[in-house]
C-alpha cells in the first residue's frame, strides 16, 4: 500500500524566468515509493489547507520531474525546470468545488525504478544516489 507523505507549505523564489514556481502558493508532496497517490479533502485539511481557498477543483496542478538524478555531465540534456504531470480529477458532484467525496489522483515516481528501452527490448534499473525521496509540487487557484 502506498501512502502520501505529509505536505508542507513552501515559499519559493524562482531561479528561472520560465519556472511555474514564479507565481502563486506552492505545496510540497513527498513521494518515497512509485505508485498512485490520492489527494482528497482529508489530505488537504490535515495539511492545514482550507478547502474554500482551493476554489475550483480543476485548478489544482501538480509539477515534478520524476525522481531520477540529474546527469553529472553538465553538457548532457536535462529538464528545463519542472514539468506539469498528468492528474485525474474526480468531481463526483460535477460542481467544480472540492467536496468531501471528491479527489485527485496522480502517479508519483520514487528515486528508484526501471526504464524500458523499446529499441533493445531491455530494462535498466536506476537509483538516485543523492536522495531517497522525490518531491512533487502542487498549486491551485490558477487557470
C-alpha atoms as a PDB file:
ATOM      1  CA  UNK A   1       0.000   0.000   0.000  1.00  0.00           C
ATOM      2  CA  UNK A   2       1.219   3.455  -0.826  1.00  0.00           C
ATOM      3  CA  UNK A   3       0.852   6.413   1.495  1.00  0.00           C
ATOM      4  CA  UNK A   4       1.301  10.100   0.977  1.00  0.00           C
ATOM      5  CA  UNK A   5       3.934  11.896   2.947  1.00  0.00           C
ATOM      6  CA  UNK A   6       2.935  14.952   4.897  1.00  0.00           C
ATOM      7  CA  UNK A   7       2.538  18.027   2.767  1.00  0.00           C
ATOM      8  CA  UNK A   8       4.193  21.216   3.902  1.00  0.00           C
ATOM      9  CA  UNK A   9       3.790  24.720   2.611  1.00  0.00           C
ATOM     10  CA  UNK A  10       6.773  26.169   0.807  1.00  0.00           C
ATOM     11  CA  UNK A  11       7.559  29.783  -0.005  1.00  0.00           C
ATOM     12  CA  UNK A  12       9.683  29.602  -3.084  1.00  0.00           C
ATOM     13  CA  UNK A  13      11.629  32.074  -5.169  1.00  0.00           C
ATOM     14  CA  UNK A  14      12.033  31.062  -8.816  1.00  0.00           C
ATOM     15  CA  UNK A  15      15.543  30.858 -10.177  1.00  0.00           C
ATOM     16  CA  UNK A  16      14.467  30.612 -13.816  1.00  0.00           C
ATOM     17  CA  UNK A  17      12.256  33.109 -15.586  1.00  0.00           C
ATOM     18  CA  UNK A  18      10.031  30.419 -17.119  1.00  0.00           C
ATOM     19  CA  UNK A  19       9.559  28.432 -13.923  1.00  0.00           C
ATOM     20  CA  UNK A  20       5.963  27.707 -12.896  1.00  0.00           C
ATOM     21  CA  UNK A  21       7.026  28.478  -9.314  1.00  0.00           C
ATOM     22  CA  UNK A  22       7.160  32.205 -10.063  1.00  0.00           C
ATOM     23  CA  UNK A  23       3.555  32.863  -9.052  1.00  0.00           C
ATOM     24  CA  UNK A  24       1.040  31.506  -6.574  1.00  0.00           C
ATOM     25  CA  UNK A  25       1.208  29.427  -3.433  1.00  0.00           C
ATOM     26  CA  UNK A  26       3.043  26.120  -3.687  1.00  0.00           C
ATOM     27  CA  UNK A  27       2.911  22.981  -1.577  1.00  0.00           C
ATOM     28  CA  UNK A  28       5.401  20.133  -1.487  1.00  0.00           C
ATOM     29  CA  UNK A  29       4.363  16.455  -1.567  1.00  0.00           C
ATOM     30  CA  UNK A  30       6.955  13.840  -0.614  1.00  0.00           C
ATOM     31  CA  UNK A  31       6.988  10.546  -2.517  1.00  0.00           C
ATOM     32  CA  UNK A  32       9.126   7.599  -1.372  1.00  0.00           C
ATOM     33  CA  UNK A  33       7.578   4.814  -3.471  1.00  0.00           C
ATOM     34  CA  UNK A  34       6.297   4.708  -7.036  1.00  0.00           C
ATOM     35  CA  UNK A  35       2.540   4.426  -7.190  1.00  0.00           C
ATOM     36  CA  UNK A  36      -0.779   6.176  -7.431  1.00  0.00           C
ATOM     37  CA  UNK A  37      -1.305   8.920  -4.866  1.00  0.00           C
ATOM     38  CA  UNK A  38      -4.704  10.243  -3.814  1.00  0.00           C
ATOM     39  CA  UNK A  39      -5.275  13.823  -2.705  1.00  0.00           C
ATOM     40  CA  UNK A  40      -8.659  14.057  -1.009  1.00  0.00           C
ATOM     41  CA  UNK A  41     -10.338  16.549   1.303  1.00  0.00           C
ATOM     42  CA  UNK A  42      -8.861  14.876   4.399  1.00  0.00           C
ATOM     43  CA  UNK A  43      -5.371  15.168   2.932  1.00  0.00           C
ATOM     44  CA  UNK A  44      -5.752  18.931   2.395  1.00  0.00           C
ATOM     45  CA  UNK A  45      -7.407  19.663   5.740  1.00  0.00           C
ATOM     46  CA  UNK A  46      -4.778  17.589   7.596  1.00  0.00           C
ATOM     47  CA  UNK A  47      -2.171  19.747   5.856  1.00  0.00           C
ATOM     48  CA  UNK A  48      -3.898  22.912   7.119  1.00  0.00           C
ATOM     49  CA  UNK A  49      -5.207  23.971   3.707  1.00  0.00           C
ATOM     50  CA  UNK A  50      -8.680  25.471   3.747  1.00  0.00           C
ATOM     51  CA  UNK A  51     -10.949  23.859   1.170  1.00  0.00           C
ATOM     52  CA  UNK A  52     -12.512  27.247   0.428  1.00  0.00           C
ATOM     53  CA  UNK A  53      -9.084  28.590  -0.607  1.00  0.00           C
ATOM     54  CA  UNK A  54      -8.772  25.951  -3.342  1.00  0.00           C
ATOM     55  CA  UNK A  55     -11.706  27.212  -5.368  1.00  0.00           C
ATOM     56  CA  UNK A  56     -12.271  25.138  -8.490  1.00  0.00           C
ATOM     57  CA  UNK A  57     -11.034  21.542  -8.087  1.00  0.00           C
ATOM     58  CA  UNK A  58      -9.871  21.595 -11.710  1.00  0.00           C
ATOM     59  CA  UNK A  59      -7.430  24.411 -10.908  1.00  0.00           C
ATOM     60  CA  UNK A  60      -5.141  22.047  -8.949  1.00  0.00           C
ATOM     61  CA  UNK A  61      -1.897  21.455 -10.862  1.00  0.00           C
ATOM     62  CA  UNK A  62       0.973  19.093  -9.975  1.00  0.00           C
ATOM     63  CA  UNK A  63       4.574  19.511 -11.144  1.00  0.00           C
ATOM     64  CA  UNK A  64       7.691  17.386 -10.860  1.00  0.00           C
ATOM     65  CA  UNK A  65      10.499  15.661 -12.735  1.00  0.00           C
ATOM     66  CA  UNK A  66      10.157  12.007 -11.799  1.00  0.00           C
ATOM     67  CA  UNK A  67      12.799  11.300  -9.154  1.00  0.00           C
ATOM     68  CA  UNK A  68      15.798  10.481 -11.324  1.00  0.00           C
ATOM     69  CA  UNK A  69      19.051  12.226 -10.511  1.00  0.00           C
ATOM     70  CA  UNK A  70      20.311  14.843 -12.925  1.00  0.00           C
ATOM     71  CA  UNK A  71      23.274  13.843 -15.083  1.00  0.00           C
ATOM     72  CA  UNK A  72      26.652  14.806 -13.629  1.00  0.00           C
ATOM     73  CA  UNK A  73      27.922  15.865 -17.051  1.00  0.00           C
ATOM     74  CA  UNK A  74      26.790  19.472 -17.489  1.00  0.00           C
ATOM     75  CA  UNK A  75      26.610  19.053 -21.284  1.00  0.00           C
ATOM     76  CA  UNK A  76      24.033  16.252 -21.066  1.00  0.00           C
ATOM     77  CA  UNK A  77      20.405  17.134 -21.792  1.00  0.00           C
ATOM     78  CA  UNK A  78      18.274  17.740 -18.702  1.00  0.00           C
ATOM     79  CA  UNK A  79      14.797  19.094 -17.900  1.00  0.00           C
ATOM     80  CA  UNK A  80      14.425  22.852 -18.144  1.00  0.00           C
ATOM     81  CA  UNK A  81      12.546  23.333 -14.874  1.00  0.00           C
ATOM     82  CA  UNK A  82       9.525  21.496 -13.523  1.00  0.00           C
ATOM     83  CA  UNK A  83       7.048  19.832 -15.842  1.00  0.00           C
ATOM     84  CA  UNK A  84       3.324  19.535 -15.215  1.00  0.00           C
ATOM     85  CA  UNK A  85       2.349  15.917 -14.691  1.00  0.00           C
ATOM     86  CA  UNK A  86      -0.922  14.208 -15.508  1.00  0.00           C
ATOM     87  CA  UNK A  87      -3.561  14.021 -12.812  1.00  0.00           C
ATOM     88  CA  UNK A  88      -7.096  12.701 -12.783  1.00  0.00           C
ATOM     89  CA  UNK A  89      -9.748  14.877 -11.146  1.00  0.00           C
ATOM     90  CA  UNK A  90     -12.818  13.123  -9.740  1.00  0.00           C
ATOM     91  CA  UNK A  91     -15.563  15.702  -9.161  1.00  0.00           C
ATOM     92  CA  UNK A  92     -18.436  13.428  -8.093  1.00  0.00           C
ATOM     93  CA  UNK A  93     -20.956  16.273  -7.756  1.00  0.00           C
ATOM     94  CA  UNK A  94     -19.862  17.855 -11.056  1.00  0.00           C
ATOM     95  CA  UNK A  95     -19.980  21.285  -9.420  1.00  0.00           C
ATOM     96  CA  UNK A  96     -16.310  22.275  -9.668  1.00  0.00           C
ATOM     97  CA  UNK A  97     -15.965  22.514  -5.884  1.00  0.00           C
ATOM     98  CA  UNK A  98     -13.729  20.258  -3.793  1.00  0.00           C
ATOM     99  CA  UNK A  99     -16.433  18.391  -1.851  1.00  0.00           C
ATOM    100  CA  UNK A 100     -15.927  15.629   0.729  1.00  0.00           C
ATOM    101  CA  UNK A 101     -16.313  12.826  -1.846  1.00  0.00           C
ATOM    102  CA  UNK A 102     -14.027  14.401  -4.498  1.00  0.00           C
ATOM    103  CA  UNK A 103     -10.345  13.651  -5.024  1.00  0.00           C
ATOM    104  CA  UNK A 104      -7.369  13.872  -7.352  1.00  0.00           C
ATOM    105  CA  UNK A 105      -5.009  11.020  -8.229  1.00  0.00           C
ATOM    106  CA  UNK A 106      -1.571  11.131  -9.833  1.00  0.00           C
ATOM    107  CA  UNK A 107       1.264   8.725 -10.443  1.00  0.00           C
ATOM    108  CA  UNK A 108       4.322   9.577  -8.361  1.00  0.00           C
ATOM    109  CA  UNK A 109       7.719   8.068  -9.114  1.00  0.00           C
ATOM    110  CA  UNK A 110      10.268   7.121  -6.498  1.00  0.00           C
ATOM    111  CA  UNK A 111      14.002   7.704  -6.740  1.00  0.00           C
ATOM    112  CA  UNK A 112      14.479   4.029  -7.699  1.00  0.00           C
ATOM    113  CA  UNK A 113      12.854   2.284 -10.609  1.00  0.00           C
ATOM    114  CA  UNK A 114      13.052   0.681 -14.016  1.00  0.00           C
ATOM    115  CA  UNK A 115      13.319   2.081 -17.552  1.00  0.00           C
ATOM    116  CA  UNK A 116      12.256   0.087 -20.598  1.00  0.00           C
ATOM    117  CA  UNK A 117      14.021   0.537 -23.927  1.00  0.00           C
ATOM    118  CA  UNK A 118      11.669  -0.440 -26.783  1.00  0.00           C
ATOM    119  CA  UNK A 119      14.507  -0.493 -29.319  1.00  0.00           C
ATOM    120  CA  UNK A 120      16.645  -3.015 -27.413  1.00  0.00           C
ATOM    121  CA  UNK A 121      13.688  -4.599 -25.570  1.00  0.00           C
ATOM    122  CA  UNK A 122      15.587  -4.417 -22.300  1.00  0.00           C
ATOM    123  CA  UNK A 123      15.097  -2.929 -18.846  1.00  0.00           C
ATOM    124  CA  UNK A 124      17.625  -0.990 -16.820  1.00  0.00           C
ATOM    125  CA  UNK A 125      17.417  -0.075 -13.164  1.00  0.00           C
ATOM    126  CA  UNK A 126      18.002   3.483 -11.958  1.00  0.00           C
ATOM    127  CA  UNK A 127      18.874   4.743  -8.481  1.00  0.00           C
ATOM    128  CA  UNK A 128      19.109   8.346  -7.372  1.00  0.00           C
ATOM    129  CA  UNK A 129      22.293   8.272  -5.313  1.00  0.00           C
ATOM    130  CA  UNK A 130      21.578  11.633  -3.666  1.00  0.00           C
ATOM    131  CA  UNK A 131      18.077  11.216  -2.230  1.00  0.00           C
ATOM    132  CA  UNK A 132      15.585   8.580  -1.090  1.00  0.00           C
ATOM    133  CA  UNK A 133      12.647  10.986  -1.522  1.00  0.00           C
ATOM    134  CA  UNK A 134      11.189  12.595  -4.589  1.00  0.00           C
ATOM    135  CA  UNK A 135       9.105  15.741  -4.338  1.00  0.00           C
ATOM    136  CA  UNK A 136       6.160  16.958  -6.336  1.00  0.00           C
ATOM    137  CA  UNK A 137       4.823  20.481  -6.125  1.00  0.00           C
ATOM    138  CA  UNK A 138       1.184  21.453  -6.299  1.00  0.00           C
ATOM    139  CA  UNK A 139      -0.640  24.708  -6.649  1.00  0.00           C
ATOM    140  CA  UNK A 140      -4.251  25.734  -7.148  1.00  0.00           C
ATOM    141  CA  UNK A 141      -6.431  28.697  -7.950  1.00  0.00           C
ATOM    142  CA  UNK A 142      -4.874  29.484 -11.323  1.00  0.00           C
ATOM    143  CA  UNK A 143      -6.316  28.894 -14.732  1.00  0.00           C
END
